[in-house]
Amino acid sequence: MAKKILIVDDDQEIVMLIAARLRANQYEIVVANDAVQAISKAHKEKPDLILLDNRMSAGSGLSVLANLRQAMDTILTPIIFITAYPSEKIKEEALEKGATDFIGKPFDANDLLGKIRKAFGERGL
């Protein structure tokens, strides 16, 4: 059974690129375009992993992360935090709030896949 990944990003081009790459690697994809959808879909769809953008409409990725870490059904879900403005401060804050990993945009697709596999405890390529 394919692992389900929730992609949370308001940039449709990025969502399409990530989704295509993940589908090619046999992952099931669910998409949310803002913070409200992210929280709703995380609880409804029960993804195995969440790719969470920081800057988006209707709330920040950091607020979504904090919310998901307070709920019993998402407290242990691996969350890879993605941001176009990577800084040590944002990285530290994301990891403190419970992110599993962190990646800056633009990112290499193979690097992202490696982080996903690592979060799932799978071996690399």
PDB file of N, CA and C in Angstrom:
ATOM      1  N   MET A   1       0.852  -1.187   0.000  1.00  0.00           N
ATOM      2  CA  MET A   1       0.000   0.000   0.000  1.00  0.00           C
ATOM      3  C   MET A   1       0.896   1.249   0.000  1.00  0.00           C
ATOM      4  N   ALA A   2       0.584   2.184  -0.855  1.00  0.00           N
ATOM      5  CA  ALA A   2       1.397   3.395  -0.998  1.00  0.00           C
ATOM      6  C   ALA A   2       1.257   4.281   0.233  1.00  0.00           C
ATOM      7  N   LYS A   3       2.365   4.888   0.618  1.00  0.00           N
ATOM      8  CA  LYS A   3       2.334   5.852   1.720  1.00  0.00           C
ATOM      9  C   LYS A   3       1.718   7.150   1.209  1.00  0.00           C
ATOM     10  N   LYS A   4       0.911   7.780   2.057  1.00  0.00           N
ATOM     11  CA  LYS A   4       0.214   9.009   1.693  1.00  0.00           C
ATOM     12  C   LYS A   4       0.974  10.221   2.207  1.00  0.00           C
ATOM     13  N   ILE A   5       1.214  11.188   1.303  1.00  0.00           N
ATOM     14  CA  ILE A   5       1.918  12.416   1.659  1.00  0.00           C
ATOM     15  C   ILE A   5       1.012  13.612   1.397  1.00  0.00           C
ATOM     16  N   LEU A   6       0.869  14.461   2.400  1.00  0.00           N
ATOM     17  CA  LEU A   6       0.129  15.713   2.271  1.00  0.00           C
ATOM     18  C   LEU A   6       1.116  16.817   1.918  1.00  0.00           C
ATOM     19  N   ILE A   7       0.916  17.453   0.761  1.00  0.00           N
ATOM     20  CA  ILE A   7       1.742  18.580   0.328  1.00  0.00           C
ATOM     21  C   ILE A   7       0.977  19.851   0.661  1.00  0.00           C
ATOM     22  N   VAL A   8       1.580  20.724   1.468  1.00  0.00           N
ATOM     23  CA  VAL A   8       0.941  21.982   1.858  1.00  0.00           C
ATOM     24  C   VAL A   8       1.778  23.127   1.301  1.00  0.00           C
ATOM     25  N   ASP A   9       1.243  23.798   0.264  1.00  0.00           N
ATOM     26  CA  ASP A   9       1.947  24.925  -0.353  1.00  0.00           C
ATOM     27  C   ASP A   9       0.940  25.702  -1.180  1.00  0.00           C
ATOM     28  N   ASP A  10       1.046  27.039  -1.174  1.00  0.00           N
ATOM     29  CA  ASP A  10       0.123  27.847  -1.978  1.00  0.00           C
ATOM     30  C   ASP A  10       0.671  28.132  -3.373  1.00  0.00           C
ATOM     31  N   ASP A  11       1.873  27.676  -3.676  1.00  0.00           N
ATOM     32  CA  ASP A  11       2.468  27.837  -5.007  1.00  0.00           C
ATOM     33  C   ASP A  11       2.137  26.593  -5.828  1.00  0.00           C
ATOM     34  N   GLN A  12       1.158  26.733  -6.741  1.00  0.00           N
ATOM     35  CA  GLN A  12       0.668  25.589  -7.502  1.00  0.00           C
ATOM     36  C   GLN A  12       1.743  24.929  -8.358  1.00  0.00           C
ATOM     37  N   GLU A  13       2.678  25.721  -8.853  1.00  0.00           N
ATOM     38  CA  GLU A  13       3.754  25.164  -9.666  1.00  0.00           C
ATOM     39  C   GLU A  13       4.623  24.220  -8.826  1.00  0.00           C
ATOM     40  N   ILE A  14       4.948  24.631  -7.624  1.00  0.00           N
ATOM     41  CA  ILE A  14       5.755  23.782  -6.730  1.00  0.00           C
ATOM     42  C   ILE A  14       4.977  22.522  -6.374  1.00  0.00           C
ATOM     43  N   VAL A  15       3.697  22.680  -6.077  1.00  0.00           N
ATOM     44  CA  VAL A  15       2.859  21.528  -5.731  1.00  0.00           C
ATOM     45  C   VAL A  15       2.859  20.528  -6.886  1.00  0.00           C
ATOM     46  N   MET A  16       2.678  21.012  -8.115  1.00  0.00           N
ATOM     47  CA  MET A  16       2.643  20.118  -9.282  1.00  0.00           C
ATOM     48  C   MET A  16       3.973  19.389  -9.468  1.00  0.00           C
ATOM     49  N   LEU A  17       5.085  20.105  -9.288  1.00  0.00           N
ATOM     50  CA  LEU A  17       6.403  19.485  -9.446  1.00  0.00           C
ATOM     51  C   LEU A  17       6.656  18.421  -8.382  1.00  0.00           C
ATOM     52  N   ILE A  18       6.373  18.761  -7.134  1.00  0.00           N
ATOM     53  CA  ILE A  18       6.577  17.794  -6.050  1.00  0.00           C
ATOM     54  C   ILE A  18       5.657  16.595  -6.233  1.00  0.00           C
ATOM     55  N   ALA A  19       4.383  16.859  -6.521  1.00  0.00           N
ATOM     56  CA  ALA A  19       3.410  15.777  -6.671  1.00  0.00           C
ATOM     57  C   ALA A  19       3.810  14.819  -7.788  1.00  0.00           C
ATOM     58  N   ALA A  20       4.244  15.355  -8.921  1.00  0.00           N
ATOM     59  CA  ALA A  20       4.642  14.503 -10.038  1.00  0.00           C
ATOM     60  C   ALA A  20       5.815  13.606  -9.640  1.00  0.00           C
ATOM     61  N   ARG A  21       6.784  14.187  -8.967  1.00  0.00           N
ATOM     62  CA  ARG A  21       7.964  13.411  -8.554  1.00  0.00           C
ATOM     63  C   ARG A  21       7.588  12.335  -7.536  1.00  0.00           C
ATOM     64  N   LEU A  22       6.724  12.687  -6.601  1.00  0.00           N
ATOM     65  CA  LEU A  22       6.333  11.716  -5.578  1.00  0.00           C
ATOM     66  C   LEU A  22       5.460  10.604  -6.149  1.00  0.00           C
ATOM     67  N   ARG A  23       4.552  10.958  -7.042  1.00  0.00           N
ATOM     68  CA  ARG A  23       3.728   9.921  -7.687  1.00  0.00           C
ATOM     69  C   ARG A  23       4.603   8.955  -8.477  1.00  0.00           C
ATOM     70  N   ALA A  24       5.627   9.479  -9.134  1.00  0.00           N
ATOM     71  CA  ALA A  24       6.561   8.638  -9.898  1.00  0.00           C
ATOM     72  C   ALA A  24       7.309   7.675  -8.969  1.00  0.00           C
ATOM     73  N   ASN A  25       7.367   8.009  -7.685  1.00  0.00           N
ATOM     74  CA  ASN A  25       8.019   7.149  -6.699  1.00  0.00           C
ATOM     75  C   ASN A  25       7.003   6.379  -5.848  1.00  0.00           C
ATOM     76  N   GLN A  26       5.799   6.232  -6.398  1.00  0.00           N
ATOM     77  CA  GLN A  26       4.749   5.390  -5.815  1.00  0.00           C
ATOM     78  C   GLN A  26       4.140   5.903  -4.512  1.00  0.00           C
ATOM     79  N   TYR A  27       4.182   7.219  -4.293  1.00  0.00           N
ATOM     80  CA  TYR A  27       3.515   7.792  -3.123  1.00  0.00           C
ATOM     81  C   TYR A  27       2.136   8.298  -3.537  1.00  0.00           C
ATOM     82  N   GLU A  28       1.169   8.199  -2.631  1.00  0.00           N
ATOM     83  CA  GLU A  28      -0.165   8.778  -2.830  1.00  0.00           C
ATOM     84  C   GLU A  28      -0.091  10.228  -2.364  1.00  0.00           C
ATOM     85  N   ILE A  29      -0.721  11.136  -3.107  1.00  0.00           N
ATOM     86  CA  ILE A  29      -0.612  12.567  -2.824  1.00  0.00           C
ATOM     87  C   ILE A  29      -1.956  13.175  -2.451  1.00  0.00           C
ATOM     88  N   VAL A  30      -1.926  14.027  -1.433  1.00  0.00           N
ATOM     89  CA  VAL A  30      -3.052  14.866  -1.036  1.00  0.00           C
ATOM     90  C   VAL A  30      -2.486  16.285  -0.976  1.00  0.00           C
ATOM     91  N   VAL A  31      -3.289  17.280  -1.385  1.00  0.00           N
ATOM     92  CA  VAL A  31      -2.790  18.658  -1.450  1.00  0.00           C
ATOM     93  C   VAL A  31      -3.665  19.593  -0.622  1.00  0.00           C
ATOM     94  N   ALA A  32      -3.004  20.525   0.067  1.00  0.00           N
ATOM     95  CA  ALA A  32      -3.682  21.628   0.757  1.00  0.00           C
ATOM     96  C   ALA A  32      -2.973  22.908   0.334  1.00  0.00           C
ATOM     97  N   ASN A  33      -3.752  23.974   0.112  1.00  0.00           N
ATOM     98  CA  ASN A  33      -3.185  25.213  -0.402  1.00  0.00           C
ATOM     99  C   ASN A  33      -3.037  26.324   0.620  1.00  0.00           C
ATOM    100  N   ASP A  34      -3.519  26.107   1.833  1.00  0.00           N
ATOM    101  CA  ASP A  34      -3.360  27.121   2.873  1.00  0.00           C
ATOM    102  C   ASP A  34      -3.377  26.449   4.243  1.00  0.00           C
ATOM    103  N   ALA A  35      -3.173  27.245   5.264  1.00  0.00           N
ATOM    104  CA  ALA A  35      -3.058  26.717   6.622  1.00  0.00           C
ATOM    105  C   ALA A  35      -4.347  26.040   7.101  1.00  0.00           C
ATOM    106  N   VAL A  36      -5.489  26.616   6.774  1.00  0.00           N
ATOM    107  CA  VAL A  36      -6.772  26.050   7.205  1.00  0.00           C
ATOM    108  C   VAL A  36      -6.977  24.681   6.566  1.00  0.00           C
ATOM    109  N   GLN A  37      -6.753  24.596   5.247  1.00  0.00           N
ATOM    110  CA  GLN A  37      -6.873  23.307   4.551  1.00  0.00           C
ATOM    111  C   GLN A  37      -5.863  22.298   5.097  1.00  0.00           C
ATOM    112  N   ALA A  38      -4.660  22.765   5.414  1.00  0.00           N
ATOM    113  CA  ALA A  38      -3.603  21.876   5.912  1.00  0.00           C
ATOM    114  C   ALA A  38      -4.047  21.146   7.176  1.00  0.00           C
ATOM    115  N   ILE A  39      -4.592  21.896   8.111  1.00  0.00           N
ATOM    116  CA  ILE A  39      -5.024  21.300   9.379  1.00  0.00           C
ATOM    117  C   ILE A  39      -6.198  20.358   9.144  1.00  0.00           C
ATOM    118  N   SER A  40      -7.170  20.803   8.356  1.00  0.00           N
ATOM    119  CA  SER A  40      -8.341  19.986   8.060  1.00  0.00           C
ATOM    120  C   SER A  40      -7.950  18.674   7.360  1.00  0.00           C
ATOM    121  N   LYS A  41      -7.132  18.777   6.317  1.00  0.00           N
ATOM    122  CA  LYS A  41      -6.754  17.570   5.562  1.00  0.00           C
ATOM    123  C   LYS A  41      -5.838  16.655   6.355  1.00  0.00           C
ATOM    124  N   ALA A  42      -5.002  17.226   7.214  1.00  0.00           N
ATOM    125  CA  ALA A  42      -4.135  16.387   8.044  1.00  0.00           C
ATOM    126  C   ALA A  42      -4.972  15.482   8.952  1.00  0.00           C
ATOM    127  N   HIS A  43      -6.059  16.020   9.496  1.00  0.00           N
ATOM    128  CA  HIS A  43      -6.919  15.230  10.381  1.00  0.00           C
ATOM    129  C   HIS A  43      -7.828  14.292   9.592  1.00  0.00           C
ATOM    130  N   LYS A  44      -8.326  14.741   8.454  1.00  0.00           N
ATOM    131  CA  LYS A  44      -9.253  13.936   7.666  1.00  0.00           C
ATOM    132  C   LYS A  44      -8.554  12.815   6.893  1.00  0.00           C
ATOM    133  N   GLU A  45      -7.438  13.143   6.252  1.00  0.00           N
ATOM    134  CA  GLU A  45      -6.758  12.190   5.360  1.00  0.00           C
ATOM    135  C   GLU A  45      -5.768  11.271   6.072  1.00  0.00           C
ATOM    136  N   LYS A  46      -5.325  11.650   7.264  1.00  0.00           N
ATOM    137  CA  LYS A  46      -4.357  10.865   8.036  1.00  0.00           C
ATOM    138  C   LYS A  46      -3.120  10.501   7.201  1.00  0.00           C
ATOM    139  N   PRO A  47      -2.396  11.519   6.679  1.00  0.00           N
ATOM    140  CA  PRO A  47      -1.228  11.223   5.847  1.00  0.00           C
ATOM    141  C   PRO A  47      -0.105  10.572   6.669  1.00  0.00           C
ATOM    142  N   ASP A  48       0.760   9.854   5.964  1.00  0.00           N
ATOM    143  CA  ASP A  48       1.910   9.230   6.605  1.00  0.00           C
ATOM    144  C   ASP A  48       3.040  10.233   6.805  1.00  0.00           C
ATOM    145  N   LEU A  49       2.988  11.344   6.050  1.00  0.00           N
ATOM    146  CA  LEU A  49       4.008  12.390   6.134  1.00  0.00           C
ATOM    147  C   LEU A  49       3.411  13.678   5.578  1.00  0.00           C
ATOM    148  N   ILE A  50       3.888  14.821   6.088  1.00  0.00           N
ATOM    149  CA  ILE A  50       3.415  16.125   5.615  1.00  0.00           C
ATOM    150  C   ILE A  50       4.613  16.947   5.160  1.00  0.00           C
ATOM    151  N   LEU A  51       4.514  17.524   3.954  1.00  0.00           N
ATOM    152  CA  LEU A  51       5.479  18.501   3.459  1.00  0.00           C
ATOM    153  C   LEU A  51       4.819  19.849   3.666  1.00  0.00           C
ATOM    154  N   LEU A  52       5.382  20.676   4.537  1.00  0.00           N
ATOM    155  CA  LEU A  52       4.711  21.893   4.990  1.00  0.00           C
ATOM    156  C   LEU A  52       5.498  23.152   4.652  1.00  0.00           C
ATOM    157  N   ASP A  53       4.920  23.988   3.791  1.00  0.00           N
ATOM    158  CA  ASP A  53       5.519  25.273   3.445  1.00  0.00           C
ATOM    159  C   ASP A  53       5.315  26.242   4.607  1.00  0.00           C
ATOM    160  N   ASN A  54       6.231  27.182   4.752  1.00  0.00           N
ATOM    161  CA  ASN A  54       6.113  28.140   5.851  1.00  0.00           C
ATOM    162  C   ASN A  54       5.199  29.314   5.514  1.00  0.00           C
ATOM    163  N   ARG A  55       5.440  29.965   4.376  1.00  0.00           N
ATOM    164  CA  ARG A  55       4.662  31.166   4.039  1.00  0.00           C
ATOM    165  C   ARG A  55       3.525  30.821   3.089  1.00  0.00           C
ATOM    166  N   MET A  56       2.302  31.057   3.573  1.00  0.00           N
ATOM    167  CA  MET A  56       1.119  30.819   2.744  1.00  0.00           C
ATOM    168  C   MET A  56      -0.036  31.625   3.303  1.00  0.00           C
ATOM    169  N   SER A  57      -1.103  31.661   2.547  1.00  0.00           N
ATOM    170  CA  SER A  57      -2.272  32.413   3.000  1.00  0.00           C
ATOM    171  C   SER A  57      -2.955  31.703   4.166  1.00  0.00           C
ATOM    172  N   ALA A  58      -3.707  32.444   4.901  1.00  0.00           N
ATOM    173  CA  ALA A  58      -4.501  31.929   6.027  1.00  0.00           C
ATOM    174  C   ALA A  58      -3.651  31.260   7.104  1.00  0.00           C
ATOM    175  N   GLY A  59      -2.479  31.834   7.386  1.00  0.00           N
ATOM    176  CA  GLY A  59      -1.647  31.334   8.478  1.00  0.00           C
ATOM    177  C   GLY A  59      -0.291  30.849   8.024  1.00  0.00           C
ATOM    178  N   SER A  60       0.615  30.738   8.963  1.00  0.00           N
ATOM    179  CA  SER A  60       1.979  30.309   8.630  1.00  0.00           C
ATOM    180  C   SER A  60       2.157  28.815   8.868  1.00  0.00           C
ATOM    181  N   GLY A  61       3.195  28.288   8.226  1.00  0.00           N
ATOM    182  CA  GLY A  61       3.543  26.895   8.436  1.00  0.00           C
ATOM    183  C   GLY A  61       3.903  26.610   9.885  1.00  0.00           C
ATOM    184  N   LEU A  62       4.538  27.583  10.538  1.00  0.00           N
ATOM    185  CA  LEU A  62       4.898  27.399  11.946  1.00  0.00           C
ATOM    186  C   LEU A  62       3.653  27.256  12.820  1.00  0.00           C
ATOM    187  N   SER A  63       2.599  28.027  12.515  1.00  0.00           N
ATOM    188  CA  SER A  63       1.369  27.899  13.306  1.00  0.00           C
ATOM    189  C   SER A  63       0.684  26.563  13.027  1.00  0.00           C
ATOM    190  N   VAL A  64       0.720  26.115  11.762  1.00  0.00           N
ATOM    191  CA  VAL A  64       0.157  24.803  11.415  1.00  0.00           C
ATOM    192  C   VAL A  64       0.926  23.701  12.149  1.00  0.00           C
ATOM    193  N   LEU A  65       2.244  23.800  12.118  1.00  0.00           N
ATOM    194  CA  LEU A  65       3.099  22.823  12.792  1.00  0.00           C
ATOM    195  C   LEU A  65       2.755  22.730  14.282  1.00  0.00           C
ATOM    196  N   ALA A  66       2.651  23.876  14.937  1.00  0.00           N
ATOM    197  CA  ALA A  66       2.318  23.895  16.364  1.00  0.00           C
ATOM    198  C   ALA A  66       0.947  23.259  16.611  1.00  0.00           C
ATOM    199  N   ASN A  67      -0.021  23.568  15.755  1.00  0.00           N
ATOM    200  CA  ASN A  67      -1.366  23.016  15.881  1.00  0.00           C
ATOM    201  C   ASN A  67      -1.348  21.499  15.729  1.00  0.00           C
ATOM    202  N   LEU A  68      -0.645  21.008  14.702  1.00  0.00           N
ATOM    203  CA  LEU A  68      -0.620  19.570  14.441  1.00  0.00           C
ATOM    204  C   LEU A  68       0.107  18.797  15.545  1.00  0.00           C
ATOM    205  N   ARG A  69       1.082  19.417  16.169  1.00  0.00           N
ATOM    206  CA  ARG A  69       1.825  18.743  17.239  1.00  0.00           C
ATOM    207  C   ARG A  69       1.034  18.692  18.540  1.00  0.00           C
ATOM    208  N   GLN A  70      -0.070  19.449  18.621  1.00  0.00           N
ATOM    209  CA  GLN A  70      -0.911  19.426  19.817  1.00  0.00           C
ATOM    210  C   GLN A  70      -2.060  18.428  19.708  1.00  0.00           C
ATOM    211  N   ALA A  71      -2.299  17.896  18.515  1.00  0.00           N
ATOM    212  CA  ALA A  71      -3.417  16.973  18.302  1.00  0.00           C
ATOM    213  C   ALA A  71      -2.931  15.523  18.373  1.00  0.00           C
ATOM    214  N   MET A  72      -3.668  14.682  19.037  1.00  0.00           N
ATOM    215  CA  MET A  72      -3.260  13.285  19.218  1.00  0.00           C
ATOM    216  C   MET A  72      -3.079  12.535  17.902  1.00  0.00           C
ATOM    217  N   ASP A  73      -3.919  12.815  16.911  1.00  0.00           N
ATOM    218  CA  ASP A  73      -3.827  12.037  15.667  1.00  0.00           C
ATOM    219  C   ASP A  73      -2.714  12.507  14.731  1.00  0.00           C
ATOM    220  N   THR A  74      -2.083  13.639  15.017  1.00  0.00           N
ATOM    221  CA  THR A  74      -0.993  14.123  14.161  1.00  0.00           C
ATOM    222  C   THR A  74       0.300  14.382  14.933  1.00  0.00           C
ATOM    223  N   ILE A  75       0.301  14.110  16.209  1.00  0.00           N
ATOM    224  CA  ILE A  75       1.471  14.431  17.035  1.00  0.00           C
ATOM    225  C   ILE A  75       2.735  13.702  16.564  1.00  0.00           C
ATOM    226  N   LEU A  76       2.581  12.501  16.013  1.00  0.00           N
ATOM    227  CA  LEU A  76       3.737  11.704  15.586  1.00  0.00           C
ATOM    228  C   LEU A  76       3.948  11.677  14.071  1.00  0.00           C
ATOM    229  N   THR A  77       3.084  12.331  13.316  1.00  0.00           N
ATOM    230  CA  THR A  77       3.220  12.349  11.857  1.00  0.00           C
ATOM    231  C   THR A  77       4.495  13.097  11.473  1.00  0.00           C
ATOM    232  N   PRO A  78       5.383  12.471  10.690  1.00  0.00           N
ATOM    233  CA  PRO A  78       6.584  13.191  10.254  1.00  0.00           C
ATOM    234  C   PRO A  78       6.204  14.426   9.426  1.00  0.00           C
ATOM    235  N   ILE A  79       6.846  15.557   9.727  1.00  0.00           N
ATOM    236  CA  ILE A  79       6.589  16.799   9.006  1.00  0.00           C
ATOM    237  C   ILE A  79       7.916  17.378   8.538  1.00  0.00           C
ATOM    238  N   ILE A  80       8.049  17.511   7.218  1.00  0.00           N
ATOM    239  CA  ILE A  80       9.232  18.145   6.647  1.00  0.00           C
ATOM    240  C   ILE A  80       8.850  19.578   6.321  1.00  0.00           C
ATOM    241  N   PHE A  81       9.524  20.502   6.970  1.00  0.00           N
ATOM    242  CA  PHE A  81       9.236  21.927   6.842  1.00  0.00           C
ATOM    243  C   PHE A  81       9.982  22.480   5.632  1.00  0.00           C
ATOM    244  N   ILE A  82       9.274  23.212   4.771  1.00  0.00           N
ATOM    245  CA  ILE A  82       9.855  23.769   3.548  1.00  0.00           C
ATOM    246  C   ILE A  82       9.689  25.285   3.565  1.00  0.00           C
ATOM    247  N   THR A  83      10.764  26.004   3.231  1.00  0.00           N
ATOM    248  CA  THR A  83      10.644  27.458   3.186  1.00  0.00           C
ATOM    249  C   THR A  83      11.529  28.055   2.100  1.00  0.00           C
ATOM    250  N   ALA A  84      11.027  29.124   1.500  1.00  0.00           N
ATOM    251  CA  ALA A  84      11.802  29.864   0.498  1.00  0.00           C
ATOM    252  C   ALA A  84      12.767  30.830   1.173  1.00  0.00           C
ATOM    253  N   TYR A  85      12.634  30.979   2.475  1.00  0.00           N
ATOM    254  CA  TYR A  85      13.486  31.895   3.239  1.00  0.00           C
ATOM    255  C   TYR A  85      14.200  31.122   4.344  1.00  0.00           C
ATOM    256  N   PRO A  86      15.078  30.189   3.937  1.00  0.00           N
ATOM    257  CA  PRO A  86      15.742  29.380   4.957  1.00  0.00           C
ATOM    258  C   PRO A  86      16.742  30.204   5.762  1.00  0.00           C
ATOM    259  N   SER A  87      16.618  30.128   7.047  1.00  0.00           N
ATOM    260  CA  SER A  87      17.566  30.778   7.944  1.00  0.00           C
ATOM    261  C   SER A  87      17.716  29.865   9.148  1.00  0.00           C
ATOM    262  N   GLU A  88      18.798  30.026   9.869  1.00  0.00           N
ATOM    263  CA  GLU A  88      19.005  29.208  11.069  1.00  0.00           C
ATOM    264  C   GLU A  88      17.889  29.449  12.082  1.00  0.00           C
ATOM    265  N   LYS A  89      17.411  30.702  12.164  1.00  0.00           N
ATOM    266  CA  LYS A  89      16.347  31.034  13.121  1.00  0.00           C
ATOM    267  C   LYS A  89      15.065  30.269  12.792  1.00  0.00           C
ATOM    268  N   ILE A  90      14.655  30.288  11.521  1.00  0.00           N
ATOM    269  CA  ILE A  90      13.440  29.563  11.106  1.00  0.00           C
ATOM    270  C   ILE A  90      13.639  28.058  11.297  1.00  0.00           C
ATOM    271  N   LYS A  91      14.816  27.568  10.901  1.00  0.00           N
ATOM    272  CA  LYS A  91      15.097  26.132  11.048  1.00  0.00           C
ATOM    273  C   LYS A  91      14.998  25.719  12.511  1.00  0.00           C
ATOM    274  N   GLU A  92      15.641  26.476  13.396  1.00  0.00           N
ATOM    275  CA  GLU A  92      15.596  26.165  14.822  1.00  0.00           C
ATOM    276  C   GLU A  92      14.173  26.185  15.352  1.00  0.00           C
ATOM    277  N   GLU A  93      13.414  27.199  14.948  1.00  0.00           N
ATOM    278  CA  GLU A  93      12.027  27.314  15.414  1.00  0.00           C
ATOM    279  C   GLU A  93      11.182  26.137  14.925  1.00  0.00           C
ATOM    280  N   ALA A  94      11.353  25.766  13.653  1.00  0.00           N
ATOM    281  CA  ALA A  94      10.595  24.635  13.097  1.00  0.00           C
ATOM    282  C   ALA A  94      10.949  23.337  13.825  1.00  0.00           C
ATOM    283  N   LEU A  95      12.224  23.109  14.042  1.00  0.00           N
ATOM    284  CA  LEU A  95      12.642  21.884  14.727  1.00  0.00           C
ATOM    285  C   LEU A  95      12.193  21.880  16.183  1.00  0.00           C
ATOM    286  N   GLU A  96      12.221  23.034  16.838  1.00  0.00           N
ATOM    287  CA  GLU A  96      11.743  23.133  18.221  1.00  0.00           C
ATOM    288  C   GLU A  96      10.249  22.840  18.320  1.00  0.00           C
ATOM    289  N   LYS A  97       9.499  23.258  17.295  1.00  0.00           N
ATOM    290  CA  LYS A  97       8.039  23.042  17.308  1.00  0.00           C
ATOM    291  C   LYS A  97       7.670  21.634  16.862  1.00  0.00           C
ATOM    292  N   GLY A  98       8.671  20.835  16.470  1.00  0.00           N
ATOM    293  CA  GLY A  98       8.385  19.427  16.170  1.00  0.00           C
ATOM    294  C   GLY A  98       8.562  18.987  14.737  1.00  0.00           C
ATOM    295  N   ALA A  99       9.149  19.822  13.879  1.00  0.00           N
ATOM    296  CA  ALA A  99       9.407  19.375  12.510  1.00  0.00           C
ATOM    297  C   ALA A  99      10.394  18.218  12.538  1.00  0.00           C
ATOM    298  N   THR A 100      10.202  17.269  11.649  1.00  0.00           N
ATOM    299  CA  THR A 100      11.080  16.114  11.541  1.00  0.00           C
ATOM    300  C   THR A 100      12.355  16.485  10.807  1.00  0.00           C
ATOM    301  N   ASP A 101      12.205  17.351   9.789  1.00  0.00           N
ATOM    302  CA  ASP A 101      13.338  17.779   8.977  1.00  0.00           C
ATOM    303  C   ASP A 101      13.002  19.136   8.380  1.00  0.00           C
ATOM    304  N   PHE A 102      13.951  19.689   7.637  1.00  0.00           N
ATOM    305  CA  PHE A 102      13.849  21.058   7.127  1.00  0.00           C
ATOM    306  C   PHE A 102      14.559  21.115   5.784  1.00  0.00           C
ATOM    307  N   ILE A 103      13.956  21.827   4.825  1.00  0.00           N
ATOM    308  CA  ILE A 103      14.603  21.998   3.521  1.00  0.00           C
ATOM    309  C   ILE A 103      14.256  23.386   2.981  1.00  0.00           C
ATOM    310  N   GLY A 104      15.224  24.038   2.363  1.00  0.00           N
ATOM    311  CA  GLY A 104      15.001  25.359   1.788  1.00  0.00           C
ATOM    312  C   GLY A 104      14.692  25.272   0.305  1.00  0.00           C
ATOM    313  N   LYS A 105      13.918  26.241  -0.183  1.00  0.00           N
ATOM    314  CA  LYS A 105      13.634  26.366  -1.617  1.00  0.00           C
ATOM    315  C   LYS A 105      14.679  27.296  -2.218  1.00  0.00           C
ATOM    316  N   PRO A 106      15.081  27.097  -3.436  1.00  0.00           N
ATOM    317  CA  PRO A 106      14.764  25.927  -4.259  1.00  0.00           C
ATOM    318  C   PRO A 106      15.511  24.710  -3.717  1.00  0.00           C
ATOM    319  N   PHE A 107      14.949  23.542  -3.920  1.00  0.00           N
ATOM    320  CA  PHE A 107      15.579  22.327  -3.408  1.00  0.00           C
ATOM    321  C   PHE A 107      15.755  21.338  -4.545  1.00  0.00           C
ATOM    322  N   ASP A 108      16.673  20.432  -4.350  1.00  0.00           N
ATOM    323  CA  ASP A 108      16.917  19.356  -5.296  1.00  0.00           C
ATOM    324  C   ASP A 108      15.900  18.248  -5.023  1.00  0.00           C
ATOM    325  N   ALA A 109      15.235  17.766  -6.056  1.00  0.00           N
ATOM    326  CA  ALA A 109      14.201  16.742  -5.888  1.00  0.00           C
ATOM    327  C   ALA A 109      14.752  15.481  -5.231  1.00  0.00           C
ATOM    328  N   ASN A 110      15.985  15.107  -5.571  1.00  0.00           N
ATOM    329  CA  ASN A 110      16.578  13.921  -4.955  1.00  0.00           C
ATOM    330  C   ASN A 110      16.847  14.140  -3.470  1.00  0.00           C
ATOM    331  N   ASP A 111      17.211  15.368  -3.097  1.00  0.00           N
ATOM    332  CA  ASP A 111      17.431  15.698  -1.688  1.00  0.00           C
ATOM    333  C   ASP A 111      16.110  15.571  -0.929  1.00  0.00           C
ATOM    334  N   LEU A 112      15.028  16.091  -1.516  1.00  0.00           N
ATOM    335  CA  LEU A 112      13.717  15.996  -0.880  1.00  0.00           C
ATOM    336  C   LEU A 112      13.302  14.526  -0.734  1.00  0.00           C
ATOM    337  N   LEU A 113      13.485  13.738  -1.783  1.00  0.00           N
ATOM    338  CA  LEU A 113      13.150  12.315  -1.708  1.00  0.00           C
ATOM    339  C   LEU A 113      13.968  11.617  -0.622  1.00  0.00           C
ATOM    340  N   GLY A 114      15.227  11.984  -0.512  1.00  0.00           N
ATOM    341  CA  GLY A 114      16.076  11.410   0.531  1.00  0.00           C
ATOM    342  C   GLY A 114      15.558  11.729   1.919  1.00  0.00           C
ATOM    343  N   LYS A 115      15.116  12.971   2.119  1.00  0.00           N
ATOM    344  CA  LYS A 115      14.572  13.373   3.425  1.00  0.00           C
ATOM    345  C   LYS A 115      13.263  12.636   3.723  1.00  0.00           C
ATOM    346  N   ILE A 116      12.454  12.431   2.691  1.00  0.00           N
ATOM    347  CA  ILE A 116      11.193  11.685   2.862  1.00  0.00           C
ATOM    348  C   ILE A 116      11.501  10.243   3.247  1.00  0.00           C
ATOM    349  N   ARG A 117      12.407   9.620   2.514  1.00  0.00           N
ATOM    350  CA  ARG A 117      12.765   8.223   2.818  1.00  0.00           C
ATOM    351  C   ARG A 117      13.365   8.101   4.215  1.00  0.00           C
ATOM    352  N   LYS A 118      14.176   9.075   4.601  1.00  0.00           N
ATOM    353  CA  LYS A 118      14.778   9.075   5.940  1.00  0.00           C
ATOM    354  C   LYS A 118      13.664   9.172   7.000  1.00  0.00           C
ATOM    355  N   ALA A 119      12.687  10.057   6.760  1.00  0.00           N
ATOM    356  CA  ALA A 119      11.575  10.216   7.712  1.00  0.00           C
ATOM    357  C   ALA A 119      10.777   8.928   7.836  1.00  0.00           C
ATOM    358  N   PHE A 120      10.678   8.161   6.750  1.00  0.00           N
ATOM    359  CA  PHE A 120       9.965   6.889   6.761  1.00  0.00           C
ATOM    360  C   PHE A 120      10.847   5.731   7.247  1.00  0.00           C
ATOM    361  N   GLY A 121      12.135   6.030   7.485  1.00  0.00           N
ATOM    362  CA  GLY A 121      13.046   4.981   7.911  1.00  0.00           C
ATOM    363  C   GLY A 121      13.437   4.035   6.787  1.00  0.00           C
ATOM    364  N   GLU A 122      13.282   4.519   5.527  1.00  0.00           N
ATOM    365  CA  GLU A 122      13.617   3.695   4.365  1.00  0.00           C
ATOM    366  C   GLU A 122      15.069   3.927   3.969  1.00  0.00           C
ATOM    367  N   ARG A 123      15.622   2.974   3.274  1.00  0.00           N
ATOM    368  CA  ARG A 123      16.991   3.112   2.775  1.00  0.00           C
ATOM    369  C   ARG A 123      16.992   4.016   1.544  1.00  0.00           C
ATOM    370  N   GLY A 124      18.110   4.691   1.338  1.00  0.00           N
ATOM    371  CA  GLY A 124      18.265   5.601   0.198  1.00  0.00           C
ATOM    372  C   GLY A 124      18.309   4.887  -1.122  1.00  0.00           C
ATOM    373  N   LEU A 125      18.580   5.656  -2.167  1.00  0.00           N
ATOM    374  CA  LEU A 125      18.602   5.117  -3.529  1.00  0.00           C
ATOM    375  C   LEU A 125      19.701   4.111  -3.718  1.00  0.00           C
TER     376      LEU A 125
END
